[in-house]
Amino acid sequence: MSVGQNGPGFPQEPQQQPGMPPMPTANPLPASPAASDISGMRRERPGTLTGAAVLGFVTSGFEIIGGLLWILGGAVVGELESTYQTGTDIGTIATVLGLFSLVVGGVYIWGGVMALKMKTMVLFVAAGVGVVLNIVALALSEGELGLLSMLLGAVTLLLMALPASRRF
């Protein structure tokens, strides 16, 4: 039985030869993370998802401004319709379209915040509904209103459909 530095039964440290450099000691390997540590690690948000969220915020501004303009225009047209007794409901349709646009603008903001938290479904639905709403606006205005918001919504849908964004 050998007698080491800590007493009998413990291994002895290797003896150094005189005139030789000391032997290097091995550093222990770092411990790998436990399974609970891996599940608690934060995932990094891809740039496409951040870009989609930012486009959601920008598009929400256009939707809200457009919704207010549709409501204002619908009120003016509604007054003209009632004054001249045309019998059409274009003012009411424009007002309802403006209300829907305000709601979609709010959902875009909510979807952008959720996308920054890596929950993408709300922004995906908001962009889809926004594209459809702006296609209706394009049809009603004979191709003059809603083009920018429709394009921004389509780009948002494209960014959300990329593989990096779909994983979240």
N, C-alpha and C. Protein backbone atom coordinates (compact mmCIF):
# COMPACT_ATOMS: atom_id res chain seq x y z
N MET A 1 0.85 -1.15 0.00
CA MET A 1 0.00 0.00 0.00
C MET A 1 0.90 1.22 0.00
N SER A 2 0.46 2.20 -0.80
CA SER A 2 1.28 3.39 -0.90
C SER A 2 0.73 4.46 0.04
N VAL A 3 1.61 5.31 0.44
CA VAL A 3 1.23 6.40 1.33
C VAL A 3 1.34 7.69 0.54
N GLY A 4 0.21 8.32 0.31
CA GLY A 4 0.21 9.56 -0.47
C GLY A 4 0.17 10.78 0.44
N GLN A 5 -0.05 11.92 -0.17
CA GLN A 5 -0.05 13.18 0.55
C GLN A 5 -1.21 13.23 1.55
N ASN A 6 -2.33 12.62 1.22
CA ASN A 6 -3.49 12.65 2.09
C ASN A 6 -3.57 11.45 3.04
N GLY A 7 -2.63 10.63 3.02
CA GLY A 7 -2.62 9.50 3.94
C GLY A 7 -2.53 8.18 3.20
N PRO A 8 -2.61 7.08 3.96
CA PRO A 8 -2.47 5.77 3.32
C PRO A 8 -3.68 5.46 2.43
N GLY A 9 -3.42 4.79 1.32
CA GLY A 9 -4.47 4.39 0.41
C GLY A 9 -4.74 5.40 -0.70
N PHE A 10 -4.21 6.61 -0.58
CA PHE A 10 -4.40 7.61 -1.62
C PHE A 10 -3.21 7.55 -2.57
N PRO A 11 -3.45 7.77 -3.84
CA PRO A 11 -2.33 7.68 -4.80
C PRO A 11 -1.34 8.80 -4.57
N GLN A 12 -0.11 8.46 -4.84
CA GLN A 12 0.94 9.45 -4.71
C GLN A 12 1.02 10.29 -5.97
N GLU A 13 1.38 11.55 -5.80
CA GLU A 13 1.61 12.40 -6.96
C GLU A 13 2.93 11.99 -7.58
N PRO A 14 3.03 12.09 -8.90
CA PRO A 14 4.28 11.67 -9.55
C PRO A 14 5.44 12.56 -9.08
N GLN A 15 6.56 11.93 -8.91
CA GLN A 15 7.76 12.65 -8.47
C GLN A 15 8.40 13.33 -9.66
N GLN A 16 8.91 14.53 -9.43
CA GLN A 16 9.56 15.28 -10.50
C GLN A 16 11.04 14.96 -10.47
N GLN A 17 11.57 14.74 -11.66
CA GLN A 17 13.00 14.49 -11.79
C GLN A 17 13.74 15.81 -11.62
N PRO A 18 14.87 15.79 -10.92
CA PRO A 18 15.61 17.04 -10.77
C PRO A 18 16.11 17.55 -12.12
N GLY A 19 15.98 18.88 -12.32
CA GLY A 19 16.45 19.52 -13.54
C GLY A 19 15.45 19.45 -14.69
N MET A 20 14.28 18.84 -14.48
CA MET A 20 13.26 18.72 -15.53
C MET A 20 12.13 19.72 -15.24
N PRO A 21 11.47 20.21 -16.27
CA PRO A 21 10.33 21.11 -16.02
C PRO A 21 9.18 20.32 -15.39
N PRO A 22 8.34 20.99 -14.64
CA PRO A 22 7.24 20.28 -13.99
C PRO A 22 6.27 19.72 -15.02
N MET A 23 5.65 18.61 -14.66
CA MET A 23 4.68 17.97 -15.56
C MET A 23 3.39 18.79 -15.57
N PRO A 24 2.79 18.96 -16.74
CA PRO A 24 1.53 19.72 -16.79
C PRO A 24 0.40 18.91 -16.15
N THR A 25 -0.46 19.63 -15.49
CA THR A 25 -1.60 18.95 -14.89
C THR A 25 -2.79 19.08 -15.83
N ALA A 26 -3.59 18.07 -15.88
CA ALA A 26 -4.75 18.07 -16.77
C ALA A 26 -5.90 18.81 -16.10
N ASN A 27 -6.50 19.73 -16.83
CA ASN A 27 -7.68 20.43 -16.34
C ASN A 27 -8.90 19.56 -16.61
N PRO A 28 -9.83 19.52 -15.67
CA PRO A 28 -11.03 18.73 -15.92
C PRO A 28 -11.89 19.39 -17.01
N LEU A 29 -12.60 18.56 -17.78
CA LEU A 29 -13.48 19.08 -18.81
C LEU A 29 -14.68 19.75 -18.17
N PRO A 30 -15.20 20.79 -18.79
CA PRO A 30 -16.40 21.42 -18.22
C PRO A 30 -17.59 20.47 -18.32
N ALA A 31 -18.44 20.56 -17.34
CA ALA A 31 -19.61 19.69 -17.33
C ALA A 31 -20.57 20.12 -18.42
N SER A 32 -21.19 19.14 -19.07
CA SER A 32 -22.18 19.48 -20.10
C SER A 32 -23.47 19.90 -19.42
N PRO A 33 -24.28 20.72 -20.10
CA PRO A 33 -25.52 21.17 -19.47
C PRO A 33 -26.49 20.01 -19.26
N ALA A 34 -27.20 20.09 -18.19
CA ALA A 34 -28.20 19.07 -17.91
C ALA A 34 -29.39 19.26 -18.84
N ALA A 35 -30.23 18.24 -18.93
CA ALA A 35 -31.40 18.31 -19.82
C ALA A 35 -32.31 19.47 -19.42
N SER A 36 -32.44 19.74 -18.16
CA SER A 36 -33.30 20.84 -17.72
C SER A 36 -32.71 22.20 -18.13
N ASP A 37 -31.37 22.29 -18.20
CA ASP A 37 -30.74 23.54 -18.63
C ASP A 37 -30.97 23.79 -20.12
N ILE A 38 -30.97 22.73 -20.91
CA ILE A 38 -31.15 22.88 -22.36
C ILE A 38 -32.56 23.37 -22.67
N SER A 39 -33.56 22.82 -22.00
CA SER A 39 -34.92 23.25 -22.28
C SER A 39 -35.18 24.67 -21.81
N GLY A 40 -34.43 25.16 -20.86
CA GLY A 40 -34.62 26.50 -20.35
C GLY A 40 -33.81 27.55 -21.09
N MET A 41 -32.97 27.13 -22.06
CA MET A 41 -32.15 28.09 -22.79
C MET A 41 -33.02 28.88 -23.76
N ARG A 42 -32.70 30.14 -23.94
CA ARG A 42 -33.46 30.99 -24.86
C ARG A 42 -33.05 30.68 -26.29
N ARG A 43 -34.05 30.63 -27.15
CA ARG A 43 -33.78 30.46 -28.57
C ARG A 43 -33.55 31.85 -29.16
N GLU A 44 -32.69 31.91 -30.13
CA GLU A 44 -32.40 33.19 -30.75
C GLU A 44 -33.43 33.46 -31.84
N ARG A 45 -33.97 34.66 -31.86
CA ARG A 45 -34.99 35.04 -32.84
C ARG A 45 -34.32 35.29 -34.18
N PRO A 46 -34.81 34.66 -35.26
CA PRO A 46 -34.20 34.90 -36.58
C PRO A 46 -34.51 36.30 -37.08
N GLY A 47 -33.66 36.79 -37.94
CA GLY A 47 -33.82 38.13 -38.49
C GLY A 47 -35.07 38.27 -39.33
N THR A 48 -35.48 37.19 -40.00
CA THR A 48 -36.70 37.28 -40.81
C THR A 48 -37.93 37.50 -39.94
N LEU A 49 -37.92 36.91 -38.76
CA LEU A 49 -39.04 37.10 -37.84
C LEU A 49 -39.05 38.52 -37.27
N THR A 50 -37.87 39.04 -36.96
CA THR A 50 -37.78 40.43 -36.50
C THR A 50 -38.22 41.39 -37.60
N GLY A 51 -37.80 41.11 -38.82
CA GLY A 51 -38.21 41.95 -39.95
C GLY A 51 -39.72 41.92 -40.17
N ALA A 52 -40.31 40.73 -40.03
CA ALA A 52 -41.77 40.62 -40.17
C ALA A 52 -42.48 41.41 -39.07
N ALA A 53 -41.95 41.37 -37.86
CA ALA A 53 -42.57 42.12 -36.76
C ALA A 53 -42.47 43.63 -37.02
N VAL A 54 -41.33 44.09 -37.49
CA VAL A 54 -41.17 45.51 -37.79
C VAL A 54 -42.11 45.93 -38.91
N LEU A 55 -42.21 45.09 -39.96
CA LEU A 55 -43.15 45.40 -41.03
C LEU A 55 -44.59 45.40 -40.52
N GLY A 56 -44.88 44.55 -39.55
CA GLY A 56 -46.20 44.56 -38.94
C GLY A 56 -46.49 45.88 -38.25
N PHE A 57 -45.50 46.42 -37.55
CA PHE A 57 -45.68 47.72 -36.89
C PHE A 57 -45.87 48.84 -37.92
N VAL A 58 -45.08 48.82 -38.99
CA VAL A 58 -45.20 49.84 -40.02
C VAL A 58 -46.55 49.75 -40.71
N THR A 59 -46.95 48.52 -41.05
CA THR A 59 -48.23 48.32 -41.73
C THR A 59 -49.39 48.72 -40.83
N SER A 60 -49.24 48.51 -39.53
CA SER A 60 -50.32 48.90 -38.62
C SER A 60 -50.55 50.41 -38.67
N GLY A 61 -49.49 51.17 -38.80
CA GLY A 61 -49.64 52.62 -38.93
C GLY A 61 -50.41 53.00 -40.18
N PHE A 62 -50.06 52.35 -41.31
CA PHE A 62 -50.80 52.63 -42.54
C PHE A 62 -52.25 52.19 -42.45
N GLU A 63 -52.49 51.04 -41.81
CA GLU A 63 -53.86 50.56 -41.67
C GLU A 63 -54.70 51.50 -40.80
N ILE A 64 -54.12 51.99 -39.73
CA ILE A 64 -54.86 52.88 -38.84
C ILE A 64 -55.14 54.22 -39.52
N ILE A 65 -54.13 54.78 -40.18
CA ILE A 65 -54.35 56.04 -40.91
C ILE A 65 -55.36 55.82 -42.04
N GLY A 66 -55.22 54.74 -42.77
CA GLY A 66 -56.16 54.44 -43.84
C GLY A 66 -57.57 54.21 -43.31
N GLY A 67 -57.68 53.53 -42.17
CA GLY A 67 -58.99 53.30 -41.58
C GLY A 67 -59.66 54.60 -41.18
N LEU A 68 -58.90 55.52 -40.61
CA LEU A 68 -59.47 56.83 -40.25
C LEU A 68 -59.91 57.61 -41.49
N LEU A 69 -59.12 57.50 -42.56
CA LEU A 69 -59.49 58.18 -43.80
C LEU A 69 -60.73 57.54 -44.44
N TRP A 70 -60.83 56.22 -44.38
CA TRP A 70 -62.02 55.54 -44.91
C TRP A 70 -63.26 55.95 -44.11
N ILE A 71 -63.13 56.03 -42.81
CA ILE A 71 -64.28 56.43 -41.98
C ILE A 71 -64.68 57.87 -42.30
N LEU A 72 -63.70 58.75 -42.41
CA LEU A 72 -63.98 60.15 -42.75
C LEU A 72 -64.62 60.25 -44.14
N GLY A 73 -64.05 59.55 -45.10
CA GLY A 73 -64.61 59.56 -46.46
C GLY A 73 -66.00 58.96 -46.50
N GLY A 74 -66.21 57.88 -45.73
CA GLY A 74 -67.53 57.27 -45.68
C GLY A 74 -68.57 58.20 -45.08
N ALA A 75 -68.17 58.97 -44.10
CA ALA A 75 -69.10 59.93 -43.50
C ALA A 75 -69.46 61.02 -44.49
N VAL A 76 -68.48 61.52 -45.23
CA VAL A 76 -68.74 62.57 -46.22
C VAL A 76 -69.63 62.03 -47.34
N VAL A 77 -69.30 60.86 -47.85
CA VAL A 77 -70.09 60.26 -48.93
C VAL A 77 -71.49 59.94 -48.43
N GLY A 78 -71.60 59.46 -47.20
CA GLY A 78 -72.92 59.17 -46.63
C GLY A 78 -73.78 60.42 -46.54
N GLU A 79 -73.17 61.53 -46.15
CA GLU A 79 -73.91 62.79 -46.10
C GLU A 79 -74.35 63.22 -47.50
N LEU A 80 -73.47 63.09 -48.47
CA LEU A 80 -73.83 63.44 -49.84
C LEU A 80 -74.94 62.53 -50.37
N GLU A 81 -74.86 61.25 -50.02
CA GLU A 81 -75.90 60.30 -50.45
C GLU A 81 -77.26 60.66 -49.85
N SER A 82 -77.26 61.04 -48.59
CA SER A 82 -78.54 61.38 -47.96
C SER A 82 -79.05 62.74 -48.45
N THR A 83 -78.14 63.66 -48.75
CA THR A 83 -78.55 64.97 -49.25
C THR A 83 -79.18 64.86 -50.65
N TYR A 84 -78.54 64.12 -51.52
CA TYR A 84 -79.02 63.99 -52.90
C TYR A 84 -79.91 62.77 -53.10
N GLN A 85 -80.17 62.04 -52.04
CA GLN A 85 -81.06 60.87 -52.04
C GLN A 85 -80.76 59.94 -53.21
N THR A 86 -79.51 59.49 -53.25
CA THR A 86 -79.09 58.60 -54.34
C THR A 86 -79.56 57.17 -54.13
N GLY A 87 -79.79 56.77 -52.92
CA GLY A 87 -80.24 55.41 -52.64
C GLY A 87 -79.11 54.39 -52.60
N THR A 88 -77.87 54.83 -52.66
CA THR A 88 -76.73 53.90 -52.56
C THR A 88 -76.18 53.90 -51.14
N ASP A 89 -75.44 52.89 -50.82
CA ASP A 89 -74.84 52.77 -49.48
C ASP A 89 -73.31 52.74 -49.54
N ILE A 90 -72.74 53.47 -50.45
CA ILE A 90 -71.27 53.47 -50.59
C ILE A 90 -70.63 54.09 -49.36
N GLY A 91 -71.23 55.11 -48.79
CA GLY A 91 -70.69 55.74 -47.58
C GLY A 91 -70.67 54.77 -46.41
N THR A 92 -71.71 53.97 -46.27
CA THR A 92 -71.75 52.97 -45.20
C THR A 92 -70.71 51.88 -45.42
N ILE A 93 -70.56 51.45 -46.66
CA ILE A 93 -69.55 50.43 -46.97
C ILE A 93 -68.15 50.96 -46.67
N ALA A 94 -67.88 52.21 -47.04
CA ALA A 94 -66.57 52.81 -46.77
C ALA A 94 -66.32 52.93 -45.27
N THR A 95 -67.35 53.29 -44.51
CA THR A 95 -67.20 53.41 -43.06
C THR A 95 -66.92 52.06 -42.42
N VAL A 96 -67.63 51.03 -42.86
CA VAL A 96 -67.40 49.68 -42.33
C VAL A 96 -66.00 49.20 -42.71
N LEU A 97 -65.58 49.49 -43.93
CA LEU A 97 -64.22 49.14 -44.35
C LEU A 97 -63.18 49.84 -43.48
N GLY A 98 -63.44 51.10 -43.14
CA GLY A 98 -62.54 51.84 -42.26
C GLY A 98 -62.47 51.25 -40.86
N LEU A 99 -63.62 50.81 -40.34
CA LEU A 99 -63.62 50.16 -39.01
C LEU A 99 -62.83 48.87 -39.04
N PHE A 100 -63.02 48.07 -40.10
CA PHE A 100 -62.24 46.83 -40.23
C PHE A 100 -60.75 47.14 -40.33
N SER A 101 -60.42 48.20 -41.04
CA SER A 101 -59.01 48.58 -41.18
C SER A 101 -58.41 48.99 -39.83
N LEU A 102 -59.19 49.69 -39.00
CA LEU A 102 -58.70 50.03 -37.66
C LEU A 102 -58.46 48.78 -36.82
N VAL A 103 -59.36 47.82 -36.91
CA VAL A 103 -59.21 46.57 -36.15
C VAL A 103 -57.97 45.80 -36.64
N VAL A 104 -57.81 45.73 -37.96
CA VAL A 104 -56.65 45.02 -38.52
C VAL A 104 -55.36 45.73 -38.10
N GLY A 105 -55.37 47.06 -38.07
CA GLY A 105 -54.19 47.79 -37.60
C GLY A 105 -53.83 47.45 -36.16
N GLY A 106 -54.84 47.35 -35.31
CA GLY A 106 -54.59 46.95 -33.92
C GLY A 106 -54.07 45.52 -33.81
N VAL A 107 -54.60 44.63 -34.63
CA VAL A 107 -54.15 43.24 -34.60
C VAL A 107 -52.73 43.13 -35.15
N TYR A 108 -52.38 43.99 -36.12
CA TYR A 108 -50.99 44.03 -36.61
C TYR A 108 -50.03 44.39 -35.46
N ILE A 109 -50.40 45.36 -34.65
CA ILE A 109 -49.55 45.73 -33.51
C ILE A 109 -49.42 44.56 -32.55
N TRP A 110 -50.54 43.94 -32.22
CA TRP A 110 -50.52 42.78 -31.33
C TRP A 110 -49.69 41.65 -31.93
N GLY A 111 -49.85 41.41 -33.22
CA GLY A 111 -49.08 40.35 -33.89
C GLY A 111 -47.60 40.66 -33.92
N GLY A 112 -47.24 41.93 -34.10
CA GLY A 112 -45.82 42.30 -34.08
C GLY A 112 -45.19 42.06 -32.72
N VAL A 113 -45.93 42.39 -31.66
CA VAL A 113 -45.42 42.15 -30.30
C VAL A 113 -45.29 40.64 -30.06
N MET A 114 -46.28 39.88 -30.48
CA MET A 114 -46.23 38.43 -30.29
C MET A 114 -45.11 37.81 -31.12
N ALA A 115 -44.86 38.34 -32.31
CA ALA A 115 -43.77 37.82 -33.14
C ALA A 115 -42.41 38.08 -32.49
N LEU A 116 -42.28 39.21 -31.82
CA LEU A 116 -41.03 39.47 -31.10
C LEU A 116 -40.85 38.52 -29.93
N LYS A 117 -41.96 37.96 -29.44
CA LYS A 117 -41.91 36.93 -28.39
C LYS A 117 -41.86 35.54 -29.00
N MET A 118 -41.66 35.48 -30.33
CA MET A 118 -41.54 34.25 -31.11
C MET A 118 -42.83 33.43 -31.15
N LYS A 119 -43.96 34.11 -31.16
CA LYS A 119 -45.26 33.47 -31.37
C LYS A 119 -45.84 34.11 -32.62
N THR A 120 -45.88 33.37 -33.70
CA THR A 120 -46.08 33.97 -35.02
C THR A 120 -47.51 33.94 -35.54
N MET A 121 -48.39 33.18 -34.97
CA MET A 121 -49.70 32.97 -35.58
C MET A 121 -50.52 34.26 -35.68
N VAL A 122 -50.49 35.13 -34.69
CA VAL A 122 -51.31 36.35 -34.71
C VAL A 122 -50.87 37.26 -35.86
N LEU A 123 -49.58 37.42 -36.04
CA LEU A 123 -49.09 38.28 -37.13
C LEU A 123 -49.40 37.66 -38.48
N PHE A 124 -49.32 36.36 -38.58
CA PHE A 124 -49.62 35.67 -39.83
C PHE A 124 -51.08 35.90 -40.22
N VAL A 125 -51.98 35.75 -39.25
CA VAL A 125 -53.41 35.96 -39.51
C VAL A 125 -53.68 37.43 -39.82
N ALA A 126 -53.06 38.34 -39.08
CA ALA A 126 -53.27 39.77 -39.32
C ALA A 126 -52.81 40.16 -40.73
N ALA A 127 -51.67 39.63 -41.15
CA ALA A 127 -51.17 39.95 -42.49
C ALA A 127 -52.09 39.38 -43.56
N GLY A 128 -52.58 38.17 -43.36
CA GLY A 128 -53.50 37.57 -44.33
C GLY A 128 -54.80 38.35 -44.45
N VAL A 129 -55.38 38.71 -43.31
CA VAL A 129 -56.62 39.48 -43.31
C VAL A 129 -56.36 40.88 -43.89
N GLY A 130 -55.21 41.46 -43.57
CA GLY A 130 -54.87 42.77 -44.10
C GLY A 130 -54.73 42.77 -45.61
N VAL A 131 -54.14 41.71 -46.17
CA VAL A 131 -54.01 41.61 -47.63
C VAL A 131 -55.40 41.53 -48.27
N VAL A 132 -56.27 40.69 -47.71
CA VAL A 132 -57.63 40.56 -48.25
C VAL A 132 -58.39 41.89 -48.14
N LEU A 133 -58.27 42.55 -46.99
CA LEU A 133 -58.95 43.82 -46.79
C LEU A 133 -58.47 44.87 -47.78
N ASN A 134 -57.19 44.89 -48.05
CA ASN A 134 -56.66 45.88 -48.98
C ASN A 134 -56.97 45.54 -50.43
N ILE A 135 -57.16 44.28 -50.75
CA ILE A 135 -57.63 43.91 -52.08
C ILE A 135 -59.05 44.43 -52.27
N VAL A 136 -59.89 44.30 -51.23
CA VAL A 136 -61.25 44.85 -51.29
C VAL A 136 -61.18 46.37 -51.45
N ALA A 137 -60.27 47.02 -50.71
CA ALA A 137 -60.13 48.47 -50.83
C ALA A 137 -59.68 48.87 -52.22
N LEU A 138 -58.79 48.09 -52.81
CA LEU A 138 -58.36 48.36 -54.18
C LEU A 138 -59.53 48.23 -55.15
N ALA A 139 -60.36 47.23 -54.95
CA ALA A 139 -61.50 47.03 -55.83
C ALA A 139 -62.52 48.16 -55.68
N LEU A 140 -62.78 48.58 -54.45
CA LEU A 140 -63.76 49.65 -54.23
C LEU A 140 -63.26 51.00 -54.72
N SER A 141 -61.98 51.24 -54.61
CA SER A 141 -61.44 52.54 -55.03
C SER A 141 -60.92 52.51 -56.46
N GLU A 142 -61.24 51.45 -57.17
CA GLU A 142 -60.82 51.28 -58.57
C GLU A 142 -59.31 51.37 -58.74
N GLY A 143 -58.58 50.69 -57.83
CA GLY A 143 -57.14 50.56 -57.95
C GLY A 143 -56.33 51.73 -57.47
N GLU A 144 -56.88 52.55 -56.58
CA GLU A 144 -56.14 53.71 -56.12
C GLU A 144 -55.71 53.64 -54.66
N LEU A 145 -56.45 52.96 -53.81
CA LEU A 145 -56.17 52.98 -52.38
C LEU A 145 -55.88 51.57 -51.85
N GLY A 146 -54.96 51.47 -50.95
CA GLY A 146 -54.68 50.21 -50.29
C GLY A 146 -53.54 49.41 -50.88
N LEU A 147 -52.90 49.92 -51.93
CA LEU A 147 -51.84 49.16 -52.59
C LEU A 147 -50.62 48.99 -51.69
N LEU A 148 -50.20 50.07 -51.02
CA LEU A 148 -49.01 50.00 -50.18
C LEU A 148 -49.20 49.02 -49.01
N SER A 149 -50.34 49.11 -48.34
CA SER A 149 -50.59 48.20 -47.22
C SER A 149 -50.72 46.76 -47.69
N MET A 150 -51.27 46.56 -48.89
CA MET A 150 -51.37 45.21 -49.42
C MET A 150 -49.98 44.64 -49.71
N LEU A 151 -49.11 45.45 -50.29
CA LEU A 151 -47.75 44.99 -50.58
C LEU A 151 -46.97 44.71 -49.29
N LEU A 152 -47.11 45.59 -48.29
CA LEU A 152 -46.43 45.36 -47.01
C LEU A 152 -46.94 44.09 -46.33
N GLY A 153 -48.25 43.86 -46.41
CA GLY A 153 -48.82 42.63 -45.84
C GLY A 153 -48.31 41.40 -46.57
N ALA A 154 -48.19 41.49 -47.89
CA ALA A 154 -47.68 40.35 -48.67
C ALA A 154 -46.21 40.06 -48.32
N VAL A 155 -45.41 41.11 -48.16
CA VAL A 155 -44.00 40.91 -47.77
C VAL A 155 -43.93 40.31 -46.36
N THR A 156 -44.81 40.76 -45.47
CA THR A 156 -44.84 40.19 -44.12
C THR A 156 -45.18 38.71 -44.18
N LEU A 157 -46.16 38.34 -45.01
CA LEU A 157 -46.50 36.93 -45.17
C LEU A 157 -45.32 36.14 -45.74
N LEU A 158 -44.61 36.74 -46.68
CA LEU A 158 -43.44 36.08 -47.26
C LEU A 158 -42.36 35.84 -46.21
N LEU A 159 -42.08 36.85 -45.40
CA LEU A 159 -41.07 36.70 -44.34
C LEU A 159 -41.49 35.65 -43.32
N MET A 160 -42.78 35.59 -43.04
CA MET A 160 -43.27 34.59 -42.07
C MET A 160 -43.22 33.18 -42.65
N ALA A 161 -43.27 33.06 -43.98
CA ALA A 161 -43.27 31.74 -44.62
C ALA A 161 -41.87 31.17 -44.82
N LEU A 162 -40.85 31.97 -44.64
CA LEU A 162 -39.48 31.47 -44.80
C LEU A 162 -39.16 30.44 -43.72
N PRO A 163 -38.32 29.46 -44.05
CA PRO A 163 -38.04 28.37 -43.09
C PRO A 163 -37.52 28.84 -41.74
N ALA A 164 -36.72 29.89 -41.72
CA ALA A 164 -36.18 30.35 -40.43
C ALA A 164 -37.29 30.85 -39.51
N SER A 165 -38.31 31.49 -40.09
CA SER A 165 -39.41 32.01 -39.27
C SER A 165 -40.40 30.92 -38.90
N ARG A 166 -40.56 29.92 -39.73
CA ARG A 166 -41.55 28.87 -39.49
C ARG A 166 -41.19 27.99 -38.31
N ARG A 167 -39.92 27.93 -37.94
CA ARG A 167 -39.52 27.07 -36.83
C ARG A 167 -40.01 27.58 -35.49
N PHE A 168 -40.51 28.80 -35.45
CA PHE A 168 -40.94 29.38 -34.19
C PHE A 168 -42.39 29.55 -34.19
